[in-house]
Protein backbone atom coordinates (compact mmCIF):
# COMPACT_ATOMS: atom_id res chain seq x y z
CA MET A 1 34.87 95.54 150.08
CA ASP A 2 34.23 92.96 147.35
CA THR A 3 35.64 94.97 144.44
CA PRO A 4 39.46 94.97 144.21
CA PHE A 5 40.76 98.35 145.33
CA SER A 6 42.71 98.86 142.10
CA THR A 7 39.46 98.46 140.14
CA LEU A 8 37.55 100.72 142.50
CA ILE A 9 40.14 103.47 142.32
CA ARG A 10 40.27 103.32 138.53
CA THR A 11 36.52 103.35 137.95
CA ALA A 12 35.71 105.92 140.64
CA SER A 13 38.18 108.42 139.21
CA HIS A 14 37.34 107.74 135.55
CA GLU A 15 35.30 110.90 134.99
CA ALA A 16 37.93 113.16 136.54
CA HIS A 17 40.65 111.35 134.60
CA THR A 18 38.79 111.85 131.31
CA GLU A 19 38.31 115.55 132.03
CA ALA A 20 42.05 115.96 132.57
CA GLU A 21 42.98 114.01 129.44
CA THR A 22 40.56 115.94 127.21
CA SER A 23 41.42 119.44 128.39
CA THR A 24 41.68 122.04 125.64
CA PHE A 25 45.37 122.61 126.30
CA MET A 26 46.29 118.93 126.14
CA SER A 27 44.12 118.38 123.07
CA ASP A 28 45.82 121.30 121.32
CA LEU A 29 49.27 120.13 122.40
CA LEU A 30 48.73 116.56 121.23
CA GLY A 31 47.08 117.83 118.06
CA GLY A 32 50.26 119.62 117.08
CA LYS A 33 48.53 123.00 117.24
CA LEU A 34 50.89 124.55 119.79
CA GLY A 35 54.58 125.36 119.59
CA VAL A 36 57.43 123.84 121.50
CA ASP A 37 57.25 126.79 123.93
CA ALA A 38 53.93 125.42 125.23
CA TYR A 39 55.48 121.98 125.66
CA ARG A 40 58.41 123.54 127.52
CA ARG A 41 56.06 125.46 129.82
CA TYR A 42 54.10 122.29 130.55
CA THR A 43 57.32 120.42 131.34
CA GLU A 44 58.35 123.20 133.71
CA GLN A 45 55.10 122.79 135.63
CA LEU A 46 55.63 119.04 135.89
CA TRP A 47 58.99 119.68 137.54
CA PHE A 48 57.35 121.43 140.50
CA VAL A 49 54.87 118.60 141.01
CA TYR A 50 57.45 115.81 140.76
CA ARG A 51 59.90 117.59 142.99
CA ALA A 52 57.19 117.73 145.68
CA LEU A 53 56.29 114.09 145.06
CA GLU A 54 59.83 112.74 145.12
CA ASP A 55 61.16 114.97 147.89
CA GLY A 56 58.21 113.80 150.00
CA ALA A 57 58.86 110.16 149.17
CA GLU A 58 62.15 110.08 151.06
CA ALA A 59 60.48 110.21 154.48
CA LEU A 60 57.91 107.56 153.54
CA ARG A 61 60.17 104.73 152.41
CA ASP A 62 59.54 102.73 155.59
CA ASP A 63 55.87 103.61 155.90
CA PRO A 64 53.65 100.48 155.76
CA VAL A 65 51.09 102.17 153.49
CA ALA A 66 53.16 104.35 151.15
CA GLY A 67 56.57 102.69 151.38
CA PRO A 68 55.94 99.72 149.03
CA PHE A 69 55.01 102.13 146.20
CA ILE A 70 58.22 104.13 146.36
CA ARG A 71 60.42 102.56 143.69
CA PRO A 72 63.64 104.08 142.34
CA GLU A 73 62.83 103.05 138.77
CA LEU A 74 59.85 105.40 138.79
CA MET A 75 61.66 108.58 139.87
CA ARG A 76 61.37 111.32 137.27
CA THR A 77 62.98 114.48 138.62
CA ALA A 78 66.43 113.87 137.13
CA GLU A 79 64.92 113.10 133.71
CA LEU A 80 62.75 116.22 133.89
CA GLU A 81 65.80 118.33 134.66
CA ARG A 82 67.68 116.87 131.71
CA ASP A 83 64.71 117.59 129.45
CA LEU A 84 64.41 121.14 130.75
CA ALA A 85 68.10 121.84 130.19
CA HIS A 86 67.61 120.69 126.60
CA LEU A 87 64.42 122.71 126.16
CA HIS A 88 66.23 125.80 127.42
CA GLY A 89 68.98 125.41 124.87
CA GLY A 90 71.30 123.35 127.01
CA ALA A 91 71.49 126.03 129.69
CA ASP A 92 72.81 124.89 133.05
CA ALA A 93 70.81 127.61 134.78
CA TRP A 94 67.44 126.70 133.25
CA HIS A 95 65.80 126.82 136.70
CA GLU A 96 66.75 130.43 137.40
CA GLY A 97 63.61 132.56 137.40
CA LEU A 98 61.37 129.53 136.98
CA ARG A 99 58.06 130.02 138.79
CA PRO A 100 55.06 127.72 139.09
CA LEU A 101 51.65 128.82 137.92
CA PRO A 102 49.30 129.39 140.89
CA ALA A 103 47.46 126.18 139.94
CA THR A 104 50.75 124.29 139.87
CA LYS A 105 51.73 125.65 143.28
CA ALA A 106 48.39 124.51 144.70
CA TYR A 107 48.95 121.04 143.22
CA ALA A 108 52.54 120.72 144.48
CA ASP A 109 51.55 122.06 147.90
CA ARG A 110 48.83 119.43 148.24
CA VAL A 111 51.25 116.65 147.27
CA ALA A 112 53.75 117.90 149.86
CA GLU A 113 51.03 118.13 152.51
CA CYS A 114 49.99 114.53 151.92
CA ALA A 115 53.62 113.40 152.03
CA ARG A 116 54.04 115.08 155.42
CA SER A 117 50.80 114.04 157.09
CA TRP A 118 48.82 111.40 155.19
CA PRO A 119 50.50 108.36 153.56
CA GLY A 120 47.22 107.22 151.99
CA GLY A 121 46.81 110.58 150.30
CA PHE A 122 50.38 110.35 149.06
CA VAL A 123 49.54 106.99 147.48
CA ALA A 124 46.62 108.63 145.65
CA HIS A 125 48.94 111.21 144.08
CA HIS A 126 51.62 108.61 143.39
CA TYR A 127 49.09 106.43 141.56
CA THR A 128 47.60 109.23 139.45
CA ARG A 129 51.00 110.46 138.32
CA TYR A 130 53.16 107.40 137.71
CA LEU A 131 50.59 105.03 136.25
CA GLY A 132 49.52 107.85 133.97
CA ASP A 133 53.12 108.38 132.88
CA LEU A 134 53.51 104.69 132.08
CA SER A 135 50.30 104.70 130.06
CA GLY A 136 49.06 107.92 128.43
CA GLY A 137 52.44 109.55 128.91
CA GLN A 138 53.76 107.39 126.10
CA ILE A 139 51.29 109.02 123.71
CA ILE A 140 52.65 112.43 124.70
CA ARG A 141 56.21 111.24 124.09
CA ASP A 142 55.38 109.93 120.63
CA LYS A 143 53.55 113.13 119.67
CA ALA A 144 56.37 115.32 121.00
CA GLU A 145 58.98 113.40 119.01
CA LYS A 146 56.99 113.74 115.81
CA THR A 147 55.83 117.33 116.31
CA TRP A 148 59.03 119.00 117.54
CA GLY A 149 61.68 116.63 116.23
CA PHE A 150 63.09 115.28 119.48
CA ALA A 151 65.28 112.22 119.15
CA ARG A 152 63.33 109.03 119.92
CA LYS A 153 63.44 108.59 123.71
CA GLY A 154 66.11 111.30 123.82
CA ASP A 155 66.61 114.71 125.38
CA GLY A 156 63.32 116.58 125.57
CA VAL A 157 61.21 113.47 126.21
CA ARG A 158 63.30 111.53 128.74
CA PHE A 159 60.65 112.18 131.38
CA TYR A 160 58.46 109.64 129.57
CA VAL A 161 61.20 107.01 129.21
CA PHE A 162 61.34 104.47 132.05
CA ALA A 163 64.65 102.88 131.16
CA ASP A 164 64.70 100.63 134.23
CA ILE A 165 61.25 99.15 133.64
CA ALA A 166 61.68 96.45 131.02
CA ASN A 167 58.04 95.38 130.97
CA PRO A 168 55.65 98.27 131.72
CA ALA A 169 52.55 96.05 131.50
CA ALA A 170 53.94 93.65 134.11
CA PHE A 171 55.03 96.57 136.29
CA LYS A 172 51.54 98.06 136.19
CA ARG A 173 50.04 94.69 137.12
CA GLY A 174 52.36 94.53 140.11
CA TYR A 175 51.45 98.08 141.08
CA ARG A 176 47.75 97.24 141.01
CA GLU A 177 48.42 94.21 143.21
CA LEU A 178 50.08 96.56 145.71
CA LEU A 179 46.95 98.71 145.64
CA ASP A 180 44.75 95.67 146.24
CA GLY A 181 46.82 94.74 149.26
CA VAL A 182 47.24 98.20 150.77
CA PRO A 183 46.92 97.78 154.57
CA VAL A 184 44.06 100.20 155.30
CA ASP A 185 40.37 99.81 156.11
CA ASP A 186 37.49 100.45 153.73
CA LEU A 187 36.88 103.98 155.01
CA GLU A 188 40.49 104.92 154.34
CA LYS A 189 40.25 103.37 150.89
CA MET A 190 37.34 105.67 150.09
CA ARG A 191 39.34 108.64 151.36
CA ILE A 192 42.17 107.63 149.01
CA VAL A 193 39.71 107.41 146.12
CA ASP A 194 38.48 110.91 146.90
CA GLU A 195 42.07 112.16 146.94
CA CYS A 196 42.61 110.61 143.51
CA LYS A 197 39.69 112.66 142.24
CA ARG A 198 41.23 115.72 143.84
CA ALA A 199 44.57 114.96 142.19
CA PHE A 200 42.95 114.85 138.75
CA ALA A 201 41.09 118.09 139.49
CA LEU A 202 44.35 119.78 140.50
CA ASN A 203 45.97 118.53 137.30
CA THR A 204 43.04 119.79 135.24
CA ALA A 205 43.41 123.22 136.85
CA VAL A 206 47.02 123.32 135.66
CA PHE A 207 45.89 122.45 132.13
CA ARG A 208 43.26 125.17 132.30
CA ALA A 209 45.87 127.73 133.36
CA LEU A 210 48.19 126.62 130.57
CA GLY A 211 45.30 126.89 128.12
CA GLU A 212 44.80 130.50 129.16
CA GLU A 213 48.51 131.17 128.66
CA PHE A 214 48.56 129.47 125.24
CA PRO A 215 45.19 130.17 123.59
CA LEU A 216 44.88 129.18 119.97
CA SER A 217 44.43 132.05 117.56
CA ALA A 218 41.46 131.64 115.21
């Protein structure tokens, strides 16, 4: 395979990535057309996905394929929980009664399945989530701060703040180097690419469900 795997995985999933980014729900959210309740609901759905991702990571720390990607400075669950407590008015019991949308459950279930049985698939989900958070996630943080008045990098947007990554650009370069050196054959690399596309499709389905829950009135 002549093309670096990090390039291949980025270009092959570009269309699916664009579809996720330009969903109606996300466009409305970033356009300031939806209330903070929509942002809270979106953050709740993220919690289910990241809990599956980070719970699954524990068993893969020594795996030759997935292990090198599992870095403590990336973990988001604690920050999500702090944001959700804030978004629920500081309630300690914010998680009581919280339920994933069917699309979110399907997404989290797939992440958990890959963590249990397919390290390469886990890498696909790890890549689509964390590199997205370090990149486009910063746009969401900025918009959320301006639209709903959250303190800069404070409660409500801590999910998007990677306090232990001093140089995100350098970190992303290092991450891509890990992808280029992932110890799998070309067939497995193509399977990972396909799983990246699936990850974006699962994410888009969550956006679609949220868009149905928060339609814009004319």
